[in-house]
C-alpha atoms as a PDB file:
ATOM      1  CA  MET A   1     -56.923 -12.200 138.339  1.00  0.00           C
ATOM      2  CA  PRO A   2     -59.277 -12.438 135.320  1.00  0.00           C
ATOM      3  CA  THR A   3     -62.191 -10.024 135.188  1.00  0.00           C
ATOM      4  CA  GLY A   4     -65.272 -11.509 136.816  1.00  0.00           C
ATOM      5  CA  THR A   5     -63.359 -14.137 138.780  1.00  0.00           C
ATOM      6  CA  LYS A   6     -65.186 -14.938 142.002  1.00  0.00           C
ATOM      7  CA  VAL A   7     -63.098 -15.124 145.154  1.00  0.00           C
ATOM      8  CA  VAL A   8     -63.932 -17.995 147.475  1.00  0.00           C
ATOM      9  CA  ALA A   9     -62.234 -17.297 150.806  1.00  0.00           C
ATOM     10  CA  PHE A  10     -61.808 -20.141 153.286  1.00  0.00           C
ATOM     11  CA  LEU A  11     -61.555 -19.044 156.906  1.00  0.00           C
ATOM     12  CA  VAL A  12     -59.782 -21.727 158.938  1.00  0.00           C
ATOM     13  CA  GLY A  13     -58.473 -22.095 162.463  1.00  0.00           C
ATOM     14  CA  SER A  14     -55.950 -24.388 164.115  1.00  0.00           C
ATOM     15  CA  PRO A  15     -56.009 -27.305 163.899  1.00  0.00           C
ATOM     16  CA  ALA A  16     -57.638 -26.977 160.476  1.00  0.00           C
ATOM     17  CA  ASP A  17     -60.095 -29.574 159.195  1.00  0.00           C
ATOM     18  CA  LEU A  18     -58.174 -30.225 156.006  1.00  0.00           C
ATOM     19  CA  ILE A  19     -60.545 -32.778 154.490  1.00  0.00           C
ATOM     20  CA  ASN A  20     -63.312 -30.169 154.332  1.00  0.00           C
ATOM     21  CA  LEU A  21     -60.960 -27.471 153.083  1.00  0.00           C
ATOM     22  CA  VAL A  22     -59.419 -29.581 150.330  1.00  0.00           C
ATOM     23  CA  SER A  23     -62.604 -31.310 149.143  1.00  0.00           C
ATOM     24  CA  ILE A  24     -64.623 -28.109 148.779  1.00  0.00           C
ATOM     25  CA  SER A  25     -61.811 -26.063 147.263  1.00  0.00           C
ATOM     26  CA  THR A  26     -61.281 -28.839 144.708  1.00  0.00           C
ATOM     27  CA  VAL A  27     -64.843 -28.384 143.428  1.00  0.00           C
ATOM     28  CA  PHE A  28     -64.207 -24.664 142.890  1.00  0.00           C
ATOM     29  CA  SER A  29     -60.916 -25.365 141.083  1.00  0.00           C
ATOM     30  CA  TYR A  30     -62.547 -26.979 138.031  1.00  0.00           C
ATOM     31  CA  PRO A  31     -64.807 -24.447 136.247  1.00  0.00           C
ATOM     32  CA  ARG A  32     -63.141 -22.365 133.538  1.00  0.00           C
ATOM     33  CA  VAL A  33     -64.401 -19.801 131.014  1.00  0.00           C
ATOM     34  CA  ASP A  34     -62.266 -18.877 127.982  1.00  0.00           C
ATOM     35  CA  GLY A  35     -59.375 -20.741 129.566  1.00  0.00           C
ATOM     36  CA  LYS A  36     -59.572 -18.762 132.805  1.00  0.00           C
ATOM     37  CA  SER A  37     -60.684 -19.995 136.204  1.00  0.00           C
ATOM     38  CA  VAL A  38     -64.159 -18.943 137.281  1.00  0.00           C
ATOM     39  CA  TYR A  39     -63.139 -19.041 140.940  1.00  0.00           C
ATOM     40  CA  ALA A  40     -60.023 -18.013 142.835  1.00  0.00           C
ATOM     41  CA  THR A  41     -59.525 -19.474 146.302  1.00  0.00           C
ATOM     42  CA  LYS A  42     -57.911 -17.751 149.262  1.00  0.00           C
ATOM     43  CA  ILE A  43     -57.062 -19.400 152.576  1.00  0.00           C
ATOM     44  CA  LEU A  44     -57.513 -16.974 155.445  1.00  0.00           C
ATOM     45  CA  TRP A  45     -55.959 -18.018 158.714  1.00  0.00           C
ATOM     46  CA  THR A  46     -57.384 -16.965 162.075  1.00  0.00           C
ATOM     47  CA  GLN A  47     -53.882 -16.641 163.543  1.00  0.00           C
ATOM     48  CA  PRO A  48     -51.195 -14.012 162.760  1.00  0.00           C
ATOM     49  CA  THR A  49     -48.847 -16.557 161.124  1.00  0.00           C
ATOM     50  CA  LYS A  50     -48.898 -17.766 157.500  1.00  0.00           C
ATOM     51  CA  VAL A  51     -48.741 -21.492 158.296  1.00  0.00           C
ATOM     52  CA  VAL A  52     -51.938 -23.437 158.960  1.00  0.00           C
ATOM     53  CA  GLN A  53     -51.619 -26.464 161.199  1.00  0.00           C
ATOM     54  CA  GLY A  54     -53.752 -29.380 160.116  1.00  0.00           C
ATOM     55  CA  SER A  55     -54.464 -32.728 161.705  1.00  0.00           C
ATOM     56  CA  GLY A  56     -51.914 -35.517 161.468  1.00  0.00           C
ATOM     57  CA  GLY A  57     -48.964 -33.147 161.301  1.00  0.00           C
ATOM     58  CA  ILE A  58     -49.888 -31.719 157.882  1.00  0.00           C
ATOM     59  CA  THR A  59     -49.331 -27.985 157.421  1.00  0.00           C
ATOM     60  CA  LEU A  60     -50.319 -25.432 154.771  1.00  0.00           C
ATOM     61  CA  ALA A  61     -47.876 -22.643 153.987  1.00  0.00           C
ATOM     62  CA  ASP A  62     -48.348 -19.129 152.548  1.00  0.00           C
ATOM     63  CA  CYS A  63     -51.806 -18.638 154.026  1.00  0.00           C
ATOM     64  CA  ILE A  64     -53.109 -15.145 154.737  1.00  0.00           C
ATOM     65  CA  PRO A  65     -53.921 -13.903 158.241  1.00  0.00           C
ATOM     66  CA  TYR A  66     -57.563 -12.853 157.958  1.00  0.00           C
ATOM     67  CA  SER A  67     -56.869  -9.348 159.275  1.00  0.00           C
ATOM     68  CA  ASP A  68     -54.310  -8.776 156.488  1.00  0.00           C
ATOM     69  CA  TYR A  69     -56.669  -9.618 153.632  1.00  0.00           C
ATOM     70  CA  THR A  70     -58.248  -6.574 151.997  1.00  0.00           C
ATOM     71  CA  GLY A  71     -59.367  -8.036 148.652  1.00  0.00           C
ATOM     72  CA  PRO A  72     -62.906  -8.891 147.537  1.00  0.00           C
ATOM     73  CA  ILE A  73     -64.803 -11.936 148.789  1.00  0.00           C
ATOM     74  CA  ASP A  74     -67.669 -13.397 146.785  1.00  0.00           C
ATOM     75  CA  THR A  75     -68.181 -16.440 149.023  1.00  0.00           C
ATOM     76  CA  LEU A  76     -66.840 -16.715 152.574  1.00  0.00           C
ATOM     77  CA  VAL A  77     -66.498 -20.328 153.700  1.00  0.00           C
ATOM     78  CA  VAL A  78     -65.959 -20.849 157.429  1.00  0.00           C
ATOM     79  CA  VAL A  79     -64.396 -24.293 157.794  1.00  0.00           C
ATOM     80  CA  GLY A  80     -64.994 -26.257 160.981  1.00  0.00           C
ATOM     81  CA  GLY A  81     -62.638 -28.348 163.054  1.00  0.00           C
ATOM     82  CA  LEU A  82     -61.604 -28.674 166.678  1.00  0.00           C
ATOM     83  CA  SER A  83     -60.734 -24.982 166.689  1.00  0.00           C
ATOM     84  CA  ALA A  84     -64.404 -24.125 166.128  1.00  0.00           C
ATOM     85  CA  PHE A  85     -65.243 -24.970 169.746  1.00  0.00           C
ATOM     86  CA  ALA A  86     -62.833 -22.398 171.156  1.00  0.00           C
ATOM     87  CA  GLU A  87     -64.099 -18.945 172.063  1.00  0.00           C
ATOM     88  CA  VAL A  88     -64.236 -16.765 168.964  1.00  0.00           C
ATOM     89  CA  SER A  89     -62.161 -13.605 169.372  1.00  0.00           C
ATOM     90  CA  PRO A  90     -64.001 -10.262 169.333  1.00  0.00           C
ATOM     91  CA  ASP A  91     -61.725  -9.068 166.514  1.00  0.00           C
ATOM     92  CA  LEU A  92     -62.682 -12.018 164.315  1.00  0.00           C
ATOM     93  CA  ILE A  93     -66.368 -11.513 165.079  1.00  0.00           C
ATOM     94  CA  GLN A  94     -66.138  -7.860 164.067  1.00  0.00           C
ATOM     95  CA  TRP A  95     -64.215  -8.729 160.905  1.00  0.00           C
ATOM     96  CA  MET A  96     -66.914 -11.200 159.796  1.00  0.00           C
ATOM     97  CA  ARG A  97     -69.642  -8.669 160.543  1.00  0.00           C
ATOM     98  CA  ARG A  98     -67.872  -6.009 158.464  1.00  0.00           C
ATOM     99  CA  ARG A  99     -67.307  -8.403 155.580  1.00  0.00           C
ATOM    100  CA  ALA A 100     -70.794  -9.908 155.481  1.00  0.00           C
ATOM    101  CA  PRO A 101     -72.645  -7.044 153.708  1.00  0.00           C
ATOM    102  CA  GLN A 102     -70.191  -7.148 150.772  1.00  0.00           C
ATOM    103  CA  THR A 103     -70.178 -10.956 150.587  1.00  0.00           C
ATOM    104  CA  ARG A 104     -72.629 -12.715 148.280  1.00  0.00           C
ATOM    105  CA  ARG A 105     -72.612 -15.942 150.289  1.00  0.00           C
ATOM    106  CA  LEU A 106     -71.800 -16.929 153.868  1.00  0.00           C
ATOM    107  CA  VAL A 107     -71.039 -20.627 154.226  1.00  0.00           C
ATOM    108  CA  SER A 108     -70.454 -22.665 157.369  1.00  0.00           C
ATOM    109  CA  VAL A 109     -68.926 -26.106 156.950  1.00  0.00           C
ATOM    110  CA  CYS A 110     -69.538 -28.705 159.641  1.00  0.00           C
ATOM    111  CA  THR A 111     -68.650 -27.082 162.993  1.00  0.00           C
ATOM    112  CA  GLY A 112     -67.882 -23.796 161.233  1.00  0.00           C
ATOM    113  CA  ALA A 113     -71.387 -22.810 162.365  1.00  0.00           C
ATOM    114  CA  PHE A 114     -69.953 -22.431 165.879  1.00  0.00           C
ATOM    115  CA  VAL A 115     -67.620 -19.731 164.521  1.00  0.00           C
ATOM    116  CA  LEU A 116     -70.235 -17.855 162.492  1.00  0.00           C
ATOM    117  CA  ALA A 117     -73.034 -18.042 165.049  1.00  0.00           C
ATOM    118  CA  PRO A 118     -71.512 -15.590 167.599  1.00  0.00           C
ATOM    119  CA  THR A 119     -71.641 -12.861 164.936  1.00  0.00           C
ATOM    120  CA  GLY A 120     -75.439 -12.927 164.905  1.00  0.00           C
ATOM    121  CA  LEU A 121     -75.369 -13.414 161.133  1.00  0.00           C
ATOM    122  CA  LEU A 122     -77.114 -16.781 161.467  1.00  0.00           C
ATOM    123  CA  ASP A 123     -79.885 -15.598 163.785  1.00  0.00           C
ATOM    124  CA  GLY A 124     -83.284 -16.690 162.545  1.00  0.00           C
ATOM    125  CA  LYS A 125     -81.714 -18.781 159.779  1.00  0.00           C
ATOM    126  CA  ARG A 126     -82.261 -22.476 159.202  1.00  0.00           C
ATOM    127  CA  VAL A 127     -78.836 -24.121 159.412  1.00  0.00           C
ATOM    128  CA  THR A 128     -77.283 -27.530 159.769  1.00  0.00           C
ATOM    129  CA  THR A 129     -74.021 -28.934 161.091  1.00  0.00           C
ATOM    130  CA  HIS A 130     -72.624 -32.387 161.713  1.00  0.00           C
ATOM    131  CA  TRP A 131     -75.389 -34.372 163.421  1.00  0.00           C
ATOM    132  CA  HIS A 132     -73.109 -35.145 166.381  1.00  0.00           C
ATOM    133  CA  HIS A 133     -72.880 -31.436 167.297  1.00  0.00           C
ATOM    134  CA  ALA A 134     -76.363 -30.239 166.310  1.00  0.00           C
ATOM    135  CA  ALA A 135     -77.842 -30.371 169.816  1.00  0.00           C
ATOM    136  CA  LYS A 136     -74.930 -28.372 171.215  1.00  0.00           C
ATOM    137  CA  LEU A 137     -75.279 -25.753 168.479  1.00  0.00           C
ATOM    138  CA  ALA A 138     -78.991 -25.369 169.195  1.00  0.00           C
ATOM    139  CA  GLN A 139     -78.347 -25.094 172.929  1.00  0.00           C
ATOM    140  CA  LEU A 140     -75.602 -22.466 172.644  1.00  0.00           C
ATOM    141  CA  PHE A 141     -77.368 -20.404 169.982  1.00  0.00           C
ATOM    142  CA  PRO A 142     -81.146 -20.651 170.497  1.00  0.00           C
ATOM    143  CA  LYS A 143     -81.861 -18.025 167.818  1.00  0.00           C
ATOM    144  CA  LEU A 144     -80.736 -20.491 165.140  1.00  0.00           C
ATOM    145  CA  LYS A 145     -83.145 -22.960 163.527  1.00  0.00           C
ATOM    146  CA  VAL A 146     -80.918 -26.026 163.683  1.00  0.00           C
ATOM    147  CA  ASP A 147     -81.739 -29.024 161.485  1.00  0.00           C
ATOM    148  CA  LYS A 148     -79.599 -31.968 162.536  1.00  0.00           C
ATOM    149  CA  ASP A 149     -80.663 -34.241 159.707  1.00  0.00           C
ATOM    150  CA  LYS A 150     -80.197 -32.524 156.327  1.00  0.00           C
ATOM    151  CA  ILE A 151     -76.828 -32.648 154.578  1.00  0.00           C
ATOM    152  CA  PHE A 152     -76.904 -28.936 153.704  1.00  0.00           C
ATOM    153  CA  HIS A 153     -79.179 -25.930 153.839  1.00  0.00           C
ATOM    154  CA  LYS A 154     -79.602 -22.617 152.035  1.00  0.00           C
ATOM    155  CA  ASP A 155     -81.465 -19.825 153.786  1.00  0.00           C
ATOM    156  CA  GLY A 156     -81.086 -16.567 151.898  1.00  0.00           C
ATOM    157  CA  LYS A 157     -77.363 -15.849 151.546  1.00  0.00           C
ATOM    158  CA  VAL A 158     -76.510 -18.243 154.392  1.00  0.00           C
ATOM    159  CA  TYR A 159     -75.408 -21.760 153.434  1.00  0.00           C
ATOM    160  CA  SER A 160     -74.495 -24.520 155.873  1.00  0.00           C
ATOM    161  CA  THR A 161     -73.426 -28.123 155.535  1.00  0.00           C
ATOM    162  CA  ALA A 162     -72.728 -31.199 157.599  1.00  0.00           C
ATOM    163  CA  GLY A 163     -69.184 -31.253 156.254  1.00  0.00           C
ATOM    164  CA  VAL A 164     -66.839 -33.904 154.840  1.00  0.00           C
ATOM    165  CA  THR A 165     -68.586 -35.429 151.771  1.00  0.00           C
ATOM    166  CA  ALA A 166     -71.665 -33.235 152.337  1.00  0.00           C
ATOM    167  CA  GLY A 167     -69.415 -30.226 151.790  1.00  0.00           C
ATOM    168  CA  ILE A 168     -68.804 -31.442 148.257  1.00  0.00           C
ATOM    169  CA  ASP A 169     -72.553 -31.596 147.621  1.00  0.00           C
ATOM    170  CA  LEU A 170     -72.958 -28.042 148.903  1.00  0.00           C
ATOM    171  CA  ALA A 171     -70.073 -26.766 146.785  1.00  0.00           C
ATOM    172  CA  LEU A 172     -71.602 -28.389 143.697  1.00  0.00           C
ATOM    173  CA  SER A 173     -74.922 -26.747 144.516  1.00  0.00           C
ATOM    174  CA  ILE A 174     -73.227 -23.351 144.718  1.00  0.00           C
ATOM    175  CA  VAL A 175     -71.449 -23.842 141.392  1.00  0.00           C
ATOM    176  CA  GLU A 176     -74.744 -24.930 139.853  1.00  0.00           C
ATOM    177  CA  GLU A 177     -76.266 -21.590 140.876  1.00  0.00           C
ATOM    178  CA  ASP A 178     -73.503 -19.785 138.986  1.00  0.00           C
ATOM    179  CA  LEU A 179     -72.930 -22.043 135.976  1.00  0.00           C
ATOM    180  CA  GLY A 180     -75.879 -24.386 135.570  1.00  0.00           C
ATOM    181  CA  ARG A 181     -76.623 -28.071 136.059  1.00  0.00           C
ATOM    182  CA  GLN A 182     -74.739 -29.497 133.095  1.00  0.00           C
ATOM    183  CA  GLN A 183     -71.421 -28.014 134.166  1.00  0.00           C
ATOM    184  CA  VAL A 184     -71.905 -29.324 137.693  1.00  0.00           C
ATOM    185  CA  ALA A 185     -72.650 -32.793 136.343  1.00  0.00           C
ATOM    186  CA  ALA A 186     -69.333 -32.639 134.492  1.00  0.00           C
ATOM    187  CA  ILE A 187     -67.477 -31.718 137.681  1.00  0.00           C
ATOM    188  CA  ALA A 188     -69.156 -34.527 139.614  1.00  0.00           C
ATOM    189  CA  HIS A 189     -68.282 -36.949 136.822  1.00  0.00           C
ATOM    190  CA  THR A 190     -64.643 -35.826 136.862  1.00  0.00           C
ATOM    191  CA  MET A 191     -64.447 -36.242 140.643  1.00  0.00           C
ATOM    192  CA  VAL A 192     -65.857 -39.785 140.259  1.00  0.00           C
ATOM    193  CA  LEU A 193     -68.808 -39.050 142.517  1.00  0.00           C
ATOM    194  CA  TYR A 194     -71.325 -41.882 142.586  1.00  0.00           C
ATOM    195  CA  VAL A 195     -74.287 -39.547 142.906  1.00  0.00           C
ATOM    196  CA  ARG A 196     -74.780 -35.855 143.591  1.00  0.00           C
ATOM    197  CA  ARG A 197     -77.076 -35.625 146.589  1.00  0.00           C
ATOM    198  CA  ARG A 198     -79.926 -33.184 147.091  1.00  0.00           C
ATOM    199  CA  SER A 199     -79.978 -30.716 149.992  1.00  0.00           C
ATOM    200  CA  HIS A 200     -82.941 -32.348 151.694  1.00  0.00           C
ATOM    201  CA  GLU A 201     -81.319 -35.770 151.884  1.00  0.00           C
ATOM    202  CA  SER A 202     -80.469 -37.115 155.313  1.00  0.00           C
ATOM    203  CA  GLN A 203     -76.923 -36.926 156.682  1.00  0.00           C
ATOM    204  CA  TYR A 204     -76.931 -40.710 156.863  1.00  0.00           C
ATOM    205  CA  SER A 205     -78.702 -43.253 154.706  1.00  0.00           C
ATOM    206  CA  THR A 206     -81.830 -45.003 155.873  1.00  0.00           C
ATOM    207  CA  LEU A 207     -80.134 -48.394 155.748  1.00  0.00           C
ATOM    208  CA  LEU A 208     -77.055 -47.229 157.649  1.00  0.00           C
ATOM    209  CA  ALA A 209     -79.151 -45.595 160.346  1.00  0.00           C
ATOM    210  CA  GLN A 210     -81.441 -48.606 160.664  1.00  0.00           C
ATOM    211  CA  GLN A 211     -78.579 -51.072 160.858  1.00  0.00           C
ATOM    212  CA  ALA A 212     -77.195 -49.084 163.790  1.00  0.00           C
ATOM    213  CA  ASP A 213     -80.617 -48.929 165.476  1.00  0.00           C
ATOM    214  CA  VAL A 214     -81.138 -52.710 165.368  1.00  0.00           C
ATOM    215  CA  SER A 215     -77.516 -53.830 165.729  1.00  0.00           C
ATOM    216  CA  GLY A 216     -78.194 -55.729 168.952  1.00  0.00           C
ATOM    217  CA  THR A 217     -81.396 -57.423 167.820  1.00  0.00           C
ATOM    218  CA  ARG A 218     -82.434 -60.289 165.589  1.00  0.00           C
ATOM    219  CA  LEU A 219     -83.427 -57.700 162.973  1.00  0.00           C
ATOM    220  CA  ARG A 220     -79.832 -56.499 162.563  1.00  0.00           C
ATOM    221  CA  ASP A 221     -79.323 -58.069 159.120  1.00  0.00           C
ATOM    222  CA  LEU A 222     -82.779 -57.295 157.742  1.00  0.00           C
ATOM    223  CA  PRO A 223     -81.976 -53.932 156.012  1.00  0.00           C
ATOM    224  CA  ALA A 224     -79.065 -55.365 154.013  1.00  0.00           C
ATOM    225  CA  TRP A 225     -80.987 -58.585 153.311  1.00  0.00           C
ATOM    226  CA  ALA A 226     -83.984 -56.690 151.932  1.00  0.00           C
ATOM    227  CA  GLN A 227     -81.810 -54.289 149.915  1.00  0.00           C
ATOM    228  CA  SER A 228     -80.271 -57.220 148.045  1.00  0.00           C
ATOM    229  CA  ARG A 229     -83.688 -58.731 147.257  1.00  0.00           C
ATOM    230  CA  LEU A 230     -85.756 -55.779 146.069  1.00  0.00           C
ATOM    231  CA  THR A 231     -87.166 -57.667 143.080  1.00  0.00           C
ATOM    232  CA  GLN A 232     -88.467 -60.474 145.297  1.00  0.00           C
ATOM    233  CA  LYS A 233     -91.662 -60.622 147.330  1.00  0.00           C
ATOM    234  CA  LEU A 234     -90.987 -58.839 150.614  1.00  0.00           C
ATOM    235  CA  ASP A 235     -94.072 -59.379 152.712  1.00  0.00           C
ATOM    236  CA  VAL A 236     -94.318 -60.022 156.456  1.00  0.00           C
ATOM    237  CA  ASN A 237     -94.148 -63.800 156.119  1.00  0.00           C
ATOM    238  CA  THR A 238     -91.064 -63.703 153.903  1.00  0.00           C
ATOM    239  CA  MET A 239     -89.155 -61.244 156.101  1.00  0.00           C
ATOM    240  CA  ALA A 240     -90.198 -63.022 159.301  1.00  0.00           C
ATOM    241  CA  LYS A 241     -88.803 -66.265 157.931  1.00  0.00           C
ATOM    242  CA  ALA A 242     -85.532 -64.510 157.012  1.00  0.00           C
ATOM    243  CA  VAL A 243     -84.954 -63.470 160.634  1.00  0.00           C
ATOM    244  CA  ALA A 244     -86.300 -66.712 162.117  1.00  0.00           C
ATOM    245  CA  MET A 245     -89.396 -65.218 163.759  1.00  0.00           C
ATOM    246  CA  THR A 246     -93.081 -65.970 163.625  1.00  0.00           C
ATOM    247  CA  PRO A 247     -95.032 -63.393 161.581  1.00  0.00           C
ATOM    248  CA  ARG A 248     -96.749 -62.132 164.739  1.00  0.00           C
ATOM    249  CA  THR A 249     -93.495 -61.660 166.659  1.00  0.00           C
ATOM    250  CA  PHE A 250     -91.856 -60.093 163.623  1.00  0.00           C
ATOM    251  CA  ALA A 251     -94.649 -57.553 163.172  1.00  0.00           C
ATOM    252  CA  ARG A 252     -94.416 -56.555 166.841  1.00  0.00           C
ATOM    253  CA  GLN A 253     -90.611 -56.262 166.830  1.00  0.00           C
ATOM    254  CA  PHE A 254     -90.614 -54.434 163.489  1.00  0.00           C
ATOM    255  CA  ALA A 255     -93.036 -51.776 164.738  1.00  0.00           C
ATOM    256  CA  LEU A 256     -90.965 -51.380 167.925  1.00  0.00           C
ATOM    257  CA  HIS A 257     -87.638 -50.816 166.150  1.00  0.00           C
ATOM    258  CA  PHE A 258     -88.549 -49.282 162.767  1.00  0.00           C
ATOM    259  CA  LYS A 259     -91.510 -47.113 163.827  1.00  0.00           C
ATOM    260  CA  THR A 260     -93.397 -47.871 160.608  1.00  0.00           C
ATOM    261  CA  THR A 261     -95.141 -50.729 158.822  1.00  0.00           C
ATOM    262  CA  PRO A 262     -93.218 -53.373 156.850  1.00  0.00           C
ATOM    263  CA  ALA A 263     -95.016 -52.382 153.636  1.00  0.00           C
ATOM    264  CA  ARG A 264     -94.149 -48.700 154.041  1.00  0.00           C
ATOM    265  CA  TRP A 265     -90.552 -49.581 154.898  1.00  0.00           C
ATOM    266  CA  VAL A 266     -90.103 -51.786 151.835  1.00  0.00           C
ATOM    267  CA  GLN A 267     -91.563 -49.043 149.658  1.00  0.00           C
ATOM    268  CA  LYS A 268     -89.075 -46.547 151.087  1.00  0.00           C
ATOM    269  CA  ILE A 269     -85.968 -48.613 150.376  1.00  0.00           C
ATOM    270  CA  ARG A 270     -87.239 -49.368 146.874  1.00  0.00           C
ATOM    271  CA  VAL A 271     -87.751 -45.642 146.224  1.00  0.00           C
ATOM    272  CA  GLU A 272     -84.229 -44.918 147.509  1.00  0.00           C
ATOM    273  CA  ALA A 273     -82.818 -47.525 145.120  1.00  0.00           C
ATOM    274  CA  ALA A 274     -84.819 -46.011 142.259  1.00  0.00           C
ATOM    275  CA  CYS A 275     -83.395 -42.575 143.094  1.00  0.00           C
ATOM    276  CA  VAL A 276     -79.879 -43.890 142.550  1.00  0.00           C
ATOM    277  CA  TYR A 277     -80.793 -45.293 139.137  1.00  0.00           C
ATOM    278  CA  LEU A 278     -82.537 -42.067 138.122  1.00  0.00           C
ATOM    279  CA  THR A 279     -79.548 -39.882 138.983  1.00  0.00           C
ATOM    280  CA  THR A 280     -76.771 -42.111 137.668  1.00  0.00           C
ATOM    281  CA  ASP A 281     -78.231 -44.033 134.731  1.00  0.00           C
ATOM    282  CA  ASP A 282     -80.121 -43.509 131.468  1.00  0.00           C
ATOM    283  CA  LEU A 283     -82.445 -46.484 131.930  1.00  0.00           C
ATOM    284  CA  PRO A 284     -86.132 -45.909 131.148  1.00  0.00           C
ATOM    285  CA  VAL A 285     -88.353 -45.416 134.183  1.00  0.00           C
ATOM    286  CA  LYS A 286     -90.195 -48.617 133.305  1.00  0.00           C
ATOM    287  CA  ALA A 287     -86.939 -50.597 133.535  1.00  0.00           C
ATOM    288  CA  ILE A 288     -85.996 -48.922 136.829  1.00  0.00           C
ATOM    289  CA  ALA A 289     -89.387 -49.873 138.254  1.00  0.00           C
ATOM    290  CA  ARG A 290     -88.710 -53.495 137.380  1.00  0.00           C
ATOM    291  CA  LEU A 291     -85.146 -53.439 138.816  1.00  0.00           C
ATOM    292  CA  THR A 292     -86.306 -52.009 142.132  1.00  0.00           C
ATOM    293  CA  GLY A 293     -89.206 -54.358 142.709  1.00  0.00           C
ATOM    294  CA  PHE A 294     -92.203 -52.257 141.682  1.00  0.00           C
ATOM    295  CA  ARG A 295     -95.022 -53.967 139.826  1.00  0.00           C
ATOM    296  CA  ASP A 296     -94.966 -51.409 137.024  1.00  0.00           C
ATOM    297  CA  GLU A 297     -94.138 -47.788 136.226  1.00  0.00           C
ATOM    298  CA  LEU A 298     -97.431 -46.583 137.666  1.00  0.00           C
ATOM    299  CA  SER A 299     -96.604 -48.184 141.030  1.00  0.00           C
ATOM    300  CA  LEU A 300     -93.227 -46.456 141.027  1.00  0.00           C
ATOM    301  CA  ARG A 301     -94.816 -43.091 140.257  1.00  0.00           C
ATOM    302  CA  ARG A 302     -97.346 -43.586 143.036  1.00  0.00           C
ATOM    303  CA  ALA A 303     -94.581 -44.439 145.531  1.00  0.00           C
ATOM    304  CA  PHE A 304     -92.581 -41.354 144.530  1.00  0.00           C
ATOM    305  CA  SER A 305     -95.639 -39.195 145.050  1.00  0.00           C
ATOM    306  CA  GLN A 306     -96.135 -40.630 148.533  1.00  0.00           C
ATOM    307  CA  GLN A 307     -92.491 -40.618 149.636  1.00  0.00           C
ATOM    308  CA  LEU A 308     -91.003 -37.577 147.879  1.00  0.00           C
ATOM    309  CA  THR A 309     -94.032 -35.601 146.616  1.00  0.00           C
ATOM    310  CA  THR A 310     -92.594 -35.590 143.103  1.00  0.00           C
ATOM    311  CA  THR A 311     -92.467 -37.850 140.033  1.00  0.00           C
ATOM    312  CA  PRO A 312     -89.566 -40.016 138.823  1.00  0.00           C
ATOM    313  CA  LYS A 313     -89.346 -37.907 135.649  1.00  0.00           C
ATOM    314  CA  ASP A 314     -89.131 -34.638 137.573  1.00  0.00           C
ATOM    315  CA  TYR A 315     -86.637 -36.157 140.016  1.00  0.00           C
ATOM    316  CA  ARG A 316     -84.356 -37.166 137.145  1.00  0.00           C
ATOM    317  CA  ARG A 317     -84.738 -33.767 135.481  1.00  0.00           C
ATOM    318  CA  ARG A 318     -83.725 -31.921 138.659  1.00  0.00           C
ATOM    319  CA  PHE A 319     -81.005 -34.201 140.009  1.00  0.00           C
ATOM    320  CA  GLY A 320     -79.811 -36.428 137.178  1.00  0.00           C
ATOM    321  CA  MET A 321     -76.168 -36.325 136.122  1.00  0.00           C
ATOM    322  CA  ALA A 322     -75.150 -35.800 132.501  1.00  0.00           C
ATOM    323  CA  ARG A 323     -74.063 -39.123 131.067  1.00  0.00           C
ATOM    324  CA  HIS A 324     -72.409 -38.059 127.841  1.00  0.00           C
ATOM    325  CA  ILE A 325     -69.927 -35.283 128.605  1.00  0.00           C
ATOM    326  CA  GLY A 326     -66.673 -34.843 126.748  1.00  0.00           C
ATOM    327  CA  PHE A 327     -63.354 -34.625 128.613  1.00  0.00           C
ATOM    328  CA  GLN A 328     -59.802 -33.902 127.648  1.00  0.00           C
ATOM    329  CA  SER A 329     -57.526 -35.921 129.912  1.00  0.00           C
ATOM    330  CA  ALA A 330     -58.569 -35.215 133.517  1.00  0.00           C
ATOM    331  CA  GLU A 331     -59.585 -31.624 132.864  1.00  0.00           C
ATOM    332  CA  LEU A 332     -62.966 -30.135 132.180  1.00  0.00           C
ATOM    333  CA  GLU A 333     -63.753 -28.405 128.951  1.00  0.00           C
ATOM    334  CA  ASP A 334     -64.199 -24.636 129.298  1.00  0.00           C
ATOM    335  CA  VAL A 335     -67.723 -23.878 130.383  1.00  0.00           C
ATOM    336  CA  ALA A 336     -69.904 -20.967 129.468  1.00  0.00           C
ATOM    337  CA  VAL A 337     -71.644 -18.991 132.172  1.00  0.00           C
ATOM    338  CA  SER A 338     -75.379 -19.320 131.738  1.00  0.00           C
END
């Protein structure tokens, strides 16, 4: 193992959640310095065998029983799955407690929080998990500060994520801490990610959530309809006509289902659209304002200040992806540690 290589150890149970395991480990497989991998991954199995059972009949061979592994661990990633809801063995709890002081990062992925929580290592920490299990996590472990909405969290050396695609965002964030933003943008580009999300983004998009909330009402098609017409006038009269309501009835039903005003709602979806342009394109802010329905650049800046307490320029600087990065075949160029 090259000097300085960081060991990322994945602790998995049976049946293993392979999509989380594979997606996150793939992120760590890319970075290289002087032709050598920056990270080395180890799969630690919670059972005494060396074969990990995954869902759908898929198995992983040559895994390491956690109690047999004596090497270093830079980042311990506890991967969730159905096994996470089983009672955690006292031996495994003690092993994680012993390992934690020598581990730079503790990461729970999706329901992996249910495995880490019994150790007490998450007590007092702000954590997240898949939104479907957040209430249960908070109920079982009241000392945790559970946030059911955010896609991932960092609280000191404790990292947690909602899992699946959110696990990729968390892994990219971790690599960015070690190697810098440009290298992470290259990885995201190689993995054909549409946009690298920020930690404070919601686990589900505003439009997706709203479509579910109004699925049985006459407003069910309004989010998608408005999203496709951002450059048009989207006032109460226009939107009421689109859903075949009088303006008065529309305003009442909108307040009931969306819990905000139509003007504020339209501003929010326009800001979300602008965020995508800012993180995936080189267009000037003035052009993005026009494409997303804002009157001018000043209106866009004002909306960003109200919705995100930042500016479009700062948002792009912090979260934008590099657009002109060289590649050789499907592999990344060697990167230099910053």
